[in-house]
Amino acid sequence: MAIEKIYNAIKRLPPAEREKLRHLLDNEDSNNENTKAFERAAGSWTDFDADGFIEEIYHRRNSVGRKGSEW
């Protein structure tokens, strides 16, 4: 049976690898929720002009009145 093969393969894993697998499986549901939330938020920026924003950044960096950092 396929489940028995998977179980036997897991038993052959070193303890550290089994622990990694356990963490991956435990976090699988929360990752799905996080991914869905990210996709909802990413779609809400449709009116954002990324190219214009980058252009503005470079314009400000090259401006004469720009002050340097005071570390």
Protein backbone atom coordinates (compact mmCIF):
# COMPACT_ATOMS: atom_id res chain seq x y z
CA MET A 1 0.00 0.00 0.00
CA ALA A 2 1.25 3.52 -0.79
CA ILE A 3 0.80 4.82 2.74
CA GLU A 4 2.96 2.04 4.16
CA LYS A 5 5.71 2.86 1.63
CA ILE A 6 5.61 6.51 2.64
CA TYR A 7 5.65 5.60 6.33
CA ASN A 8 8.63 3.27 5.84
CA ALA A 9 10.48 5.95 3.86
CA ILE A 10 9.89 8.43 6.66
CA LYS A 11 11.15 5.94 9.25
CA ARG A 12 14.41 5.61 7.28
CA LEU A 13 15.03 9.37 7.42
CA PRO A 14 17.63 10.63 9.89
CA PRO A 15 16.10 12.29 12.98
CA ALA A 16 17.01 15.79 11.79
CA GLU A 17 15.27 15.23 8.44
CA ARG A 18 12.18 13.82 10.17
CA GLU A 19 12.07 16.94 12.34
CA LYS A 20 12.27 19.17 9.24
CA LEU A 21 9.45 17.21 7.62
CA ARG A 22 7.32 17.49 10.75
CA HIS A 23 7.81 21.27 10.83
CA LEU A 24 6.97 21.58 7.13
CA LEU A 25 3.77 19.60 7.58
CA ASP A 26 2.79 21.51 10.74
CA ASN A 27 3.24 24.86 8.98
CA GLU A 28 1.55 23.85 5.72
CA ASP A 29 -1.87 25.22 6.71
CA SER A 30 -0.56 28.53 8.03
CA ASN A 31 1.49 29.01 4.86
CA ASN A 32 -1.62 28.57 2.74
CA GLU A 33 -3.41 31.25 4.77
CA ASN A 34 -0.40 33.57 4.51
CA THR A 35 -0.18 33.03 0.77
CA LYS A 36 -3.86 33.84 0.29
CA ALA A 37 -3.54 37.00 2.41
CA PHE A 38 -0.47 38.08 0.43
CA GLU A 39 -2.25 37.57 -2.89
CA ARG A 40 -5.24 39.61 -1.71
CA ALA A 41 -2.97 42.46 -0.61
CA ALA A 42 -0.82 42.35 -3.75
CA GLY A 43 -3.87 42.75 -5.95
CA SER A 44 -4.94 45.89 -4.11
CA TRP A 45 -1.97 47.91 -5.47
CA THR A 46 -3.24 48.08 -9.05
CA ASP A 47 -3.04 51.89 -9.12
CA PHE A 48 0.60 51.99 -7.94
CA ASP A 49 3.07 53.20 -10.59
CA ALA A 50 6.24 51.24 -9.75
CA ASP A 51 8.24 52.63 -12.68
CA GLY A 52 7.32 56.19 -11.75
CA PHE A 53 8.24 55.52 -8.13
CA ILE A 54 11.67 54.16 -9.10
CA GLU A 55 12.22 57.13 -11.40
CA GLU A 56 11.38 59.51 -8.54
CA ILE A 57 13.85 57.73 -6.24
CA TYR A 58 16.70 58.10 -8.73
CA HIS A 59 15.73 61.71 -9.40
CA ARG A 60 15.92 62.52 -5.69
CA ARG A 61 19.23 60.67 -5.29
CA ASN A 62 20.80 62.73 -8.06
CA SER A 63 19.39 66.08 -6.95
CA VAL A 64 21.84 68.82 -5.95
CA GLY A 65 20.17 69.56 -2.64
CA ARG A 66 20.39 66.00 -1.37
CA LYS A 67 22.11 65.70 1.98
CA GLY A 68 24.24 62.69 2.78
CA SER A 69 23.88 60.45 5.79
CA GLU A 70 25.39 61.55 9.06
CA TRP A 71 26.61 58.34 10.61
